[in-house]
Amino acid sequence: MTLSLNIGNFFNDPSSHALVDELRKRTSKEDILDFEEKFNSKNEKNLHIYISRFLKNRSISRGLASKWLITIIENKESKINALQKLNN
């Protein structure tokens, strides 16, 4: 199954189910960050927005959402820290 990364309108059933399937498939940190980068480059809203809304609507488990959000946040924090070290 191929997932079109352009979700477009919020949560039409086939796209949201395909995105949830993609989230479940990706388990390694590298896969998660790679998917996030590709997704964010092709969509208006960043992936963390969709994950948060899936969580709010109980479309995904708290465990899956937390794994993805922690990975995304830790990656952003490490990039910020690296840039701060360069400026000091």
PDB file of N, CA and C in Angstrom:
ATOM      1  N   MET A   1       0.833  -1.171   0.000  1.00  0.00           N
ATOM      2  CA  MET A   1       0.000   0.000   0.000  1.00  0.00           C
ATOM      3  C   MET A   1       0.880   1.236   0.000  1.00  0.00           C
ATOM      4  N   THR A   2       0.581   2.159  -0.879  1.00  0.00           N
ATOM      5  CA  THR A   2       1.325   3.401  -0.961  1.00  0.00           C
ATOM      6  C   THR A   2       0.536   4.501  -0.290  1.00  0.00           C
ATOM      7  N   LEU A   3       1.207   5.277   0.526  1.00  0.00           N
ATOM      8  CA  LEU A   3       0.561   6.379   1.231  1.00  0.00           C
ATOM      9  C   LEU A   3       0.922   7.668   0.541  1.00  0.00           C
ATOM     10  N   SER A   4      -0.073   8.402   0.119  1.00  0.00           N
ATOM     11  CA  SER A   4       0.168   9.744  -0.382  1.00  0.00           C
ATOM     12  C   SER A   4       0.414  10.614   0.834  1.00  0.00           C
ATOM     13  N   LEU A   5       1.545  11.279   0.866  1.00  0.00           N
ATOM     14  CA  LEU A   5       1.892  12.065   2.035  1.00  0.00           C
ATOM     15  C   LEU A   5       1.146  13.382   2.092  1.00  0.00           C
ATOM     16  N   ASN A   6       0.395  13.731   1.062  1.00  0.00           N
ATOM     17  CA  ASN A   6      -0.385  14.961   1.094  1.00  0.00           C
ATOM     18  C   ASN A   6      -1.760  14.634   1.625  1.00  0.00           C
ATOM     19  N   ILE A   7      -1.982  14.864   2.899  1.00  0.00           N
ATOM     20  CA  ILE A   7      -3.222  14.485   3.554  1.00  0.00           C
ATOM     21  C   ILE A   7      -4.366  15.394   3.131  1.00  0.00           C
ATOM     22  N   GLY A   8      -4.090  16.676   2.877  1.00  0.00           N
ATOM     23  CA  GLY A   8      -5.139  17.580   2.423  1.00  0.00           C
ATOM     24  C   GLY A   8      -6.153  17.855   3.512  1.00  0.00           C
ATOM     25  N   ASN A   9      -7.424  17.643   3.238  1.00  0.00           N
ATOM     26  CA  ASN A   9      -8.461  17.905   4.230  1.00  0.00           C
ATOM     27  C   ASN A   9      -8.252  17.015   5.437  1.00  0.00           C
ATOM     28  N   PHE A  10      -8.562  17.573   6.598  1.00  0.00           N
ATOM     29  CA  PHE A  10      -8.324  16.856   7.837  1.00  0.00           C
ATOM     30  C   PHE A  10      -9.094  15.558   7.910  1.00  0.00           C
ATOM     31  N   PHE A  11      -8.413  14.494   8.071  1.00  0.00           N
ATOM     32  CA  PHE A  11      -8.909  13.198   8.503  1.00  0.00           C
ATOM     33  C   PHE A  11     -10.034  12.608   7.679  1.00  0.00           C
ATOM     34  N   ASN A  12      -9.948  12.699   6.337  1.00  0.00           N
ATOM     35  CA  ASN A  12     -10.903  11.885   5.596  1.00  0.00           C
ATOM     36  C   ASN A  12     -10.482  10.453   5.828  1.00  0.00           C
ATOM     37  N   ASP A  13     -11.415   9.548   5.924  1.00  0.00           N
ATOM     38  CA  ASP A  13     -11.157   8.204   6.435  1.00  0.00           C
ATOM     39  C   ASP A  13      -9.986   7.470   5.795  1.00  0.00           C
ATOM     40  N   PRO A  14      -9.924   7.344   4.464  1.00  0.00           N
ATOM     41  CA  PRO A  14      -8.804   6.566   3.904  1.00  0.00           C
ATOM     42  C   PRO A  14      -7.434   7.159   4.240  1.00  0.00           C
ATOM     43  N   SER A  15      -7.311   8.471   4.186  1.00  0.00           N
ATOM     44  CA  SER A  15      -6.020   9.095   4.477  1.00  0.00           C
ATOM     45  C   SER A  15      -5.633   8.953   5.938  1.00  0.00           C
ATOM     46  N   SER A  16      -6.589   9.152   6.825  1.00  0.00           N
ATOM     47  CA  SER A  16      -6.252   9.053   8.245  1.00  0.00           C
ATOM     48  C   SER A  16      -5.897   7.627   8.630  1.00  0.00           C
ATOM     49  N   HIS A  17      -6.607   6.651   8.076  1.00  0.00           N
ATOM     50  CA  HIS A  17      -6.273   5.253   8.367  1.00  0.00           C
ATOM     51  C   HIS A  17      -4.899   4.894   7.807  1.00  0.00           C
ATOM     52  N   ALA A  18      -4.598   5.398   6.624  1.00  0.00           N
ATOM     53  CA  ALA A  18      -3.290   5.130   6.028  1.00  0.00           C
ATOM     54  C   ALA A  18      -2.181   5.764   6.854  1.00  0.00           C
ATOM     55  N   LEU A  19      -2.419   6.964   7.348  1.00  0.00           N
ATOM     56  CA  LEU A  19      -1.410   7.622   8.175  1.00  0.00           C
ATOM     57  C   LEU A  19      -1.210   6.882   9.487  1.00  0.00           C
ATOM     58  N   VAL A  20      -2.279   6.459  10.119  1.00  0.00           N
ATOM     59  CA  VAL A  20      -2.162   5.682  11.361  1.00  0.00           C
ATOM     60  C   VAL A  20      -1.390   4.391  11.094  1.00  0.00           C
ATOM     61  N   ASP A  21      -1.666   3.733   9.980  1.00  0.00           N
ATOM     62  CA  ASP A  21      -0.919   2.520   9.613  1.00  0.00           C
ATOM     63  C   ASP A  21       0.566   2.818   9.468  1.00  0.00           C
ATOM     64  N   GLU A  22       0.891   3.939   8.844  1.00  0.00           N
ATOM     65  CA  GLU A  22       2.298   4.324   8.690  1.00  0.00           C
ATOM     66  C   GLU A  22       2.937   4.583  10.047  1.00  0.00           C
ATOM     67  N   LEU A  23       2.223   5.235  10.927  1.00  0.00           N
ATOM     68  CA  LEU A  23       2.765   5.507  12.268  1.00  0.00           C
ATOM     69  C   LEU A  23       3.054   4.204  12.998  1.00  0.00           C
ATOM     70  N   ARG A  24       2.175   3.248  12.863  1.00  0.00           N
ATOM     71  CA  ARG A  24       2.356   1.961  13.551  1.00  0.00           C
ATOM     72  C   ARG A  24       3.521   1.162  12.975  1.00  0.00           C
ATOM     73  N   LYS A  25       3.757   1.294  11.671  1.00  0.00           N
ATOM     74  CA  LYS A  25       4.819   0.520  11.006  1.00  0.00           C
ATOM     75  C   LYS A  25       6.215   0.980  11.400  1.00  0.00           C
ATOM     76  N   ARG A  26       6.360   2.246  11.627  1.00  0.00           N
ATOM     77  CA  ARG A  26       7.686   2.811  11.863  1.00  0.00           C
ATOM     78  C   ARG A  26       8.043   2.691  13.343  1.00  0.00           C
ATOM     79  N   THR A  27       9.076   1.937  13.618  1.00  0.00           N
ATOM     80  CA  THR A  27       9.416   1.683  15.016  1.00  0.00           C
ATOM     81  C   THR A  27      10.769   2.257  15.431  1.00  0.00           C
ATOM     82  N   SER A  28      11.704   2.367  14.514  1.00  0.00           N
ATOM     83  CA  SER A  28      13.024   2.878  14.899  1.00  0.00           C
ATOM     84  C   SER A  28      13.027   4.404  14.857  1.00  0.00           C
ATOM     85  N   LYS A  29      13.903   4.988  15.633  1.00  0.00           N
ATOM     86  CA  LYS A  29      14.031   6.445  15.688  1.00  0.00           C
ATOM     87  C   LYS A  29      14.324   7.012  14.305  1.00  0.00           C
ATOM     88  N   GLU A  30      15.187   6.340  13.565  1.00  0.00           N
ATOM     89  CA  GLU A  30      15.559   6.805  12.232  1.00  0.00           C
ATOM     90  C   GLU A  30      14.359   6.789  11.291  1.00  0.00           C
ATOM     91  N   ASP A  31      13.563   5.722  11.335  1.00  0.00           N
ATOM     92  CA  ASP A  31      12.366   5.628  10.494  1.00  0.00           C
ATOM     93  C   ASP A  31      11.359   6.715  10.843  1.00  0.00           C
ATOM     94  N   ILE A  32      11.187   6.953  12.131  1.00  0.00           N
ATOM     95  CA  ILE A  32      10.237   7.966  12.589  1.00  0.00           C
ATOM     96  C   ILE A  32      10.661   9.347  12.091  1.00  0.00           C
ATOM     97  N   LEU A  33      11.921   9.689  12.282  1.00  0.00           N
ATOM     98  CA  LEU A  33      12.404  11.011  11.889  1.00  0.00           C
ATOM     99  C   LEU A  33      12.422  11.180  10.374  1.00  0.00           C
ATOM    100  N   ASP A  34      12.732  10.122   9.659  1.00  0.00           N
ATOM    101  CA  ASP A  34      12.710  10.169   8.194  1.00  0.00           C
ATOM    102  C   ASP A  34      11.286  10.414   7.698  1.00  0.00           C
ATOM    103  N   PHE A  35      10.338   9.681   8.247  1.00  0.00           N
ATOM    104  CA  PHE A  35       8.944   9.856   7.851  1.00  0.00           C
ATOM    105  C   PHE A  35       8.452  11.255   8.203  1.00  0.00           C
ATOM    106  N   GLU A  36       8.809  11.744   9.390  1.00  0.00           N
ATOM    107  CA  GLU A  36       8.385  13.082   9.800  1.00  0.00           C
ATOM    108  C   GLU A  36       8.902  14.141   8.832  1.00  0.00           C
ATOM    109  N   GLU A  37      10.161  14.030   8.445  1.00  0.00           N
ATOM    110  CA  GLU A  37      10.755  15.001   7.526  1.00  0.00           C
ATOM    111  C   GLU A  37      10.026  15.004   6.181  1.00  0.00           C
ATOM    112  N   LYS A  38       9.790  13.811   5.628  1.00  0.00           N
ATOM    113  CA  LYS A  38       9.081  13.711   4.350  1.00  0.00           C
ATOM    114  C   LYS A  38       7.655  14.236   4.468  1.00  0.00           C
ATOM    115  N   PHE A  39       6.979  13.864   5.543  1.00  0.00           N
ATOM    116  CA  PHE A  39       5.593  14.283   5.749  1.00  0.00           C
ATOM    117  C   PHE A  39       5.502  15.799   5.864  1.00  0.00           C
ATOM    118  N   ASN A  40       6.346  16.394   6.688  1.00  0.00           N
ATOM    119  CA  ASN A  40       6.295  17.838   6.912  1.00  0.00           C
ATOM    120  C   ASN A  40       6.621  18.629   5.653  1.00  0.00           C
ATOM    121  N   SER A  41       7.462  18.068   4.784  1.00  0.00           N
ATOM    122  CA  SER A  41       7.823  18.787   3.564  1.00  0.00           C
ATOM    123  C   SER A  41       6.693  18.795   2.536  1.00  0.00           C
ATOM    124  N   LYS A  42       5.707  17.900   2.696  1.00  0.00           N
ATOM    125  CA  LYS A  42       4.649  17.783   1.692  1.00  0.00           C
ATOM    126  C   LYS A  42       3.268  18.155   2.203  1.00  0.00           C
ATOM    127  N   ASN A  43       3.164  18.635   3.427  1.00  0.00           N
ATOM    128  CA  ASN A  43       1.864  18.955   4.010  1.00  0.00           C
ATOM    129  C   ASN A  43       1.885  20.317   4.673  1.00  0.00           C
ATOM    130  N   GLU A  44       0.714  20.949   4.717  1.00  0.00           N
ATOM    131  CA  GLU A  44       0.582  22.261   5.350  1.00  0.00           C
ATOM    132  C   GLU A  44       0.876  22.187   6.841  1.00  0.00           C
ATOM    133  N   LYS A  45       0.312  21.200   7.496  1.00  0.00           N
ATOM    134  CA  LYS A  45       0.475  21.060   8.944  1.00  0.00           C
ATOM    135  C   LYS A  45       1.510  19.984   9.236  1.00  0.00           C
ATOM    136  N   ASN A  46       2.305  20.228  10.256  1.00  0.00           N
ATOM    137  CA  ASN A  46       3.336  19.272  10.626  1.00  0.00           C
ATOM    138  C   ASN A  46       2.731  18.013  11.237  1.00  0.00           C
ATOM    139  N   LEU A  47       3.494  16.941  11.196  1.00  0.00           N
ATOM    140  CA  LEU A  47       3.036  15.640  11.658  1.00  0.00           C
ATOM    141  C   LEU A  47       2.602  15.667  13.120  1.00  0.00           C
ATOM    142  N   HIS A  48       3.287  16.427  13.954  1.00  0.00           N
ATOM    143  CA  HIS A  48       2.916  16.442  15.379  1.00  0.00           C
ATOM    144  C   HIS A  48       1.490  16.955  15.591  1.00  0.00           C
ATOM    145  N   ILE A  49       0.990  17.796  14.701  1.00  0.00           N
ATOM    146  CA  ILE A  49      -0.397  18.270  14.785  1.00  0.00           C
ATOM    147  C   ILE A  49      -1.351  17.100  14.559  1.00  0.00           C
ATOM    148  N   TYR A  50      -1.072  16.301  13.538  1.00  0.00           N
ATOM    149  CA  TYR A  50      -1.923  15.146  13.238  1.00  0.00           C
ATOM    150  C   TYR A  50      -1.875  14.128  14.369  1.00  0.00           C
ATOM    151  N   ILE A  51      -0.678  13.875  14.890  1.00  0.00           N
ATOM    152  CA  ILE A  51      -0.548  12.916  15.990  1.00  0.00           C
ATOM    153  C   ILE A  51      -1.349  13.390  17.198  1.00  0.00           C
ATOM    154  N   SER A  52      -1.246  14.668  17.508  1.00  0.00           N
ATOM    155  CA  SER A  52      -1.993  15.218  18.646  1.00  0.00           C
ATOM    156  C   SER A  52      -3.504  15.084  18.442  1.00  0.00           C
ATOM    157  N   ARG A  53      -3.958  15.338  17.245  1.00  0.00           N
ATOM    158  CA  ARG A  53      -5.402  15.222  16.978  1.00  0.00           C
ATOM    159  C   ARG A  53      -5.853  13.768  16.976  1.00  0.00           C
ATOM    160  N   PHE A  54      -5.006  12.870  16.456  1.00  0.00           N
ATOM    161  CA  PHE A  54      -5.334  11.443  16.539  1.00  0.00           C
ATOM    162  C   PHE A  54      -5.468  11.029  18.001  1.00  0.00           C
ATOM    163  N   LEU A  55      -4.553  11.514  18.831  1.00  0.00           N
ATOM    164  CA  LEU A  55      -4.578  11.201  20.250  1.00  0.00           C
ATOM    165  C   LEU A  55      -5.846  11.752  20.904  1.00  0.00           C
ATOM    166  N   LYS A  56      -6.176  12.986  20.593  1.00  0.00           N
ATOM    167  CA  LYS A  56      -7.381  13.605  21.151  1.00  0.00           C
ATOM    168  C   LYS A  56      -8.635  12.826  20.754  1.00  0.00           C
ATOM    169  N   ASN A  57      -8.675  12.372  19.492  1.00  0.00           N
ATOM    170  CA  ASN A  57      -9.842  11.637  18.990  1.00  0.00           C
ATOM    171  C   ASN A  57      -9.779  10.143  19.307  1.00  0.00           C
ATOM    172  N   ARG A  58      -8.741   9.745  20.018  1.00  0.00           N
ATOM    173  CA  ARG A  58      -8.524   8.345  20.397  1.00  0.00           C
ATOM    174  C   ARG A  58      -8.408   7.416  19.187  1.00  0.00           C
ATOM    175  N   SER A  59      -7.784   7.943  18.122  1.00  0.00           N
ATOM    176  CA  SER A  59      -7.551   7.144  16.925  1.00  0.00           C
ATOM    177  C   SER A  59      -6.280   6.315  17.036  1.00  0.00           C
ATOM    178  N   ILE A  60      -5.387   6.730  17.944  1.00  0.00           N
ATOM    179  CA  ILE A  60      -4.157   5.975  18.198  1.00  0.00           C
ATOM    180  C   ILE A  60      -3.982   5.862  19.710  1.00  0.00           C
ATOM    181  N   SER A  61      -3.147   4.921  20.101  1.00  0.00           N
ATOM    182  CA  SER A  61      -2.920   4.700  21.533  1.00  0.00           C
ATOM    183  C   SER A  61      -2.020   5.784  22.113  1.00  0.00           C
ATOM    184  N   ARG A  62      -2.119   5.962  23.409  1.00  0.00           N
ATOM    185  CA  ARG A  62      -1.244   6.915  24.098  1.00  0.00           C
ATOM    186  C   ARG A  62       0.212   6.495  23.967  1.00  0.00           C
ATOM    187  N   GLY A  63       0.445   5.185  23.976  1.00  0.00           N
ATOM    188  CA  GLY A  63       1.818   4.688  23.854  1.00  0.00           C
ATOM    189  C   GLY A  63       2.437   5.033  22.515  1.00  0.00           C
ATOM    190  N   LEU A  64       1.677   4.823  21.444  1.00  0.00           N
ATOM    191  CA  LEU A  64       2.180   5.132  20.100  1.00  0.00           C
ATOM    192  C   LEU A  64       2.395   6.631  19.956  1.00  0.00           C
ATOM    193  N   ALA A  65       1.421   7.423  20.395  1.00  0.00           N
ATOM    194  CA  ALA A  65       1.543   8.875  20.289  1.00  0.00           C
ATOM    195  C   ALA A  65       2.740   9.381  21.084  1.00  0.00           C
ATOM    196  N   SER A  66       2.918   8.878  22.296  1.00  0.00           N
ATOM    197  CA  SER A  66       4.029   9.351  23.117  1.00  0.00           C
ATOM    198  C   SER A  66       5.372   8.960  22.509  1.00  0.00           C
ATOM    199  N   LYS A  67       5.461   7.769  21.939  1.00  0.00           N
ATOM    200  CA  LYS A  67       6.712   7.342  21.298  1.00  0.00           C
ATOM    201  C   LYS A  67       7.081   8.299  20.173  1.00  0.00           C
ATOM    202  N   TRP A  68       6.115   8.601  19.321  1.00  0.00           N
ATOM    203  CA  TRP A  68       6.367   9.497  18.202  1.00  0.00           C
ATOM    204  C   TRP A  68       6.680  10.913  18.680  1.00  0.00           C
ATOM    205  N   LEU A  69       5.868  11.441  19.585  1.00  0.00           N
ATOM    206  CA  LEU A  69       6.064  12.818  20.034  1.00  0.00           C
ATOM    207  C   LEU A  69       7.372  12.983  20.792  1.00  0.00           C
ATOM    208  N   ILE A  70       7.731  12.027  21.623  1.00  0.00           N
ATOM    209  CA  ILE A  70       9.010  12.097  22.342  1.00  0.00           C
ATOM    210  C   ILE A  70      10.177  12.072  21.351  1.00  0.00           C
ATOM    211  N   THR A  71      10.103  11.202  20.363  1.00  0.00           N
ATOM    212  CA  THR A  71      11.171  11.120  19.358  1.00  0.00           C
ATOM    213  C   THR A  71      11.302  12.443  18.602  1.00  0.00           C
ATOM    214  N   ILE A  72      10.174  13.006  18.189  1.00  0.00           N
ATOM    215  CA  ILE A  72      10.187  14.265  17.436  1.00  0.00           C
ATOM    216  C   ILE A  72      10.726  15.397  18.311  1.00  0.00           C
ATOM    217  N   ILE A  73      10.246  15.488  19.549  1.00  0.00           N
ATOM    218  CA  ILE A  73      10.673  16.570  20.451  1.00  0.00           C
ATOM    219  C   ILE A  73      12.154  16.445  20.798  1.00  0.00           C
ATOM    220  N   GLU A  74      12.618  15.243  21.108  1.00  0.00           N
ATOM    221  CA  GLU A  74      14.039  15.054  21.428  1.00  0.00           C
ATOM    222  C   GLU A  74      14.926  15.435  20.251  1.00  0.00           C
ATOM    223  N   ASN A  75      14.493  15.124  19.041  1.00  0.00           N
ATOM    224  CA  ASN A  75      15.248  15.481  17.846  1.00  0.00           C
ATOM    225  C   ASN A  75      15.329  16.995  17.698  1.00  0.00           C
ATOM    226  N   LYS A  76      14.206  17.678  17.900  1.00  0.00           N
ATOM    227  CA  LYS A  76      14.189  19.151  17.806  1.00  0.00           C
ATOM    228  C   LYS A  76      15.083  19.758  18.877  1.00  0.00           C
ATOM    229  N   GLU A  77      15.017  19.230  20.092  1.00  0.00           N
ATOM    230  CA  GLU A  77      15.844  19.753  21.184  1.00  0.00           C
ATOM    231  C   GLU A  77      17.330  19.560  20.907  1.00  0.00           C
ATOM    232  N   SER A  78      17.690  18.410  20.340  1.00  0.00           N
ATOM    233  CA  SER A  78      19.109  18.176  20.048  1.00  0.00           C
ATOM    234  C   SER A  78      19.607  19.116  18.953  1.00  0.00           C
ATOM    235  N   LYS A  79      18.749  19.428  17.987  1.00  0.00           N
ATOM    236  CA  LYS A  79      19.127  20.397  16.938  1.00  0.00           C
ATOM    237  C   LYS A  79      19.297  21.786  17.530  1.00  0.00           C
ATOM    238  N   ILE A  80      18.403  22.168  18.429  1.00  0.00           N
ATOM    239  CA  ILE A  80      18.503  23.476  19.082  1.00  0.00           C
ATOM    240  C   ILE A  80      19.776  23.555  19.909  1.00  0.00           C
ATOM    241  N   ASN A  81      20.070  22.518  20.676  1.00  0.00           N
ATOM    242  CA  ASN A  81      21.286  22.502  21.498  1.00  0.00           C
ATOM    243  C   ASN A  81      22.536  22.585  20.650  1.00  0.00           C
ATOM    244  N   ALA A  82      22.542  21.889  19.517  1.00  0.00           N
ATOM    245  CA  ALA A  82      23.701  21.928  18.626  1.00  0.00           C
ATOM    246  C   ALA A  82      23.904  23.335  18.060  1.00  0.00           C
ATOM    247  N   LEU A  83      22.822  23.993  17.711  1.00  0.00           N
ATOM    248  CA  LEU A  83      22.925  25.365  17.191  1.00  0.00           C
ATOM    249  C   LEU A  83      23.372  26.337  18.267  1.00  0.00           C
ATOM    250  N   GLN A  84      22.913  26.134  19.497  1.00  0.00           N
ATOM    251  CA  GLN A  84      23.334  26.993  20.597  1.00  0.00           C
ATOM    252  C   GLN A  84      24.821  26.844  20.873  1.00  0.00           C
ATOM    253  N   LYS A  85      25.340  25.634  20.764  1.00  0.00           N
ATOM    254  CA  LYS A  85      26.777  25.405  20.986  1.00  0.00           C
ATOM    255  C   LYS A  85      27.599  26.075  19.903  1.00  0.00           C
ATOM    256  N   LEU A  86      27.078  26.114  18.674  1.00  0.00           N
ATOM    257  CA  LEU A  86      27.785  26.775  17.597  1.00  0.00           C
ATOM    258  C   LEU A  86      27.858  28.286  17.804  1.00  0.00           C
ATOM    259  N   ASN A  87      26.825  28.845  18.401  1.00  0.00           N
ATOM    260  CA  ASN A  87      26.772  30.292  18.620  1.00  0.00           C
ATOM    261  C   ASN A  87      27.550  30.743  19.833  1.00  0.00           C
ATOM    262  N   ASN A  88      27.952  29.820  20.691  1.00  0.00           N
ATOM    263  CA  ASN A  88      28.714  30.193  21.901  1.00  0.00           C
ATOM    264  C   ASN A  88      30.188  30.164  21.673  1.00  0.00           C
TER     265      ASN A  88
END
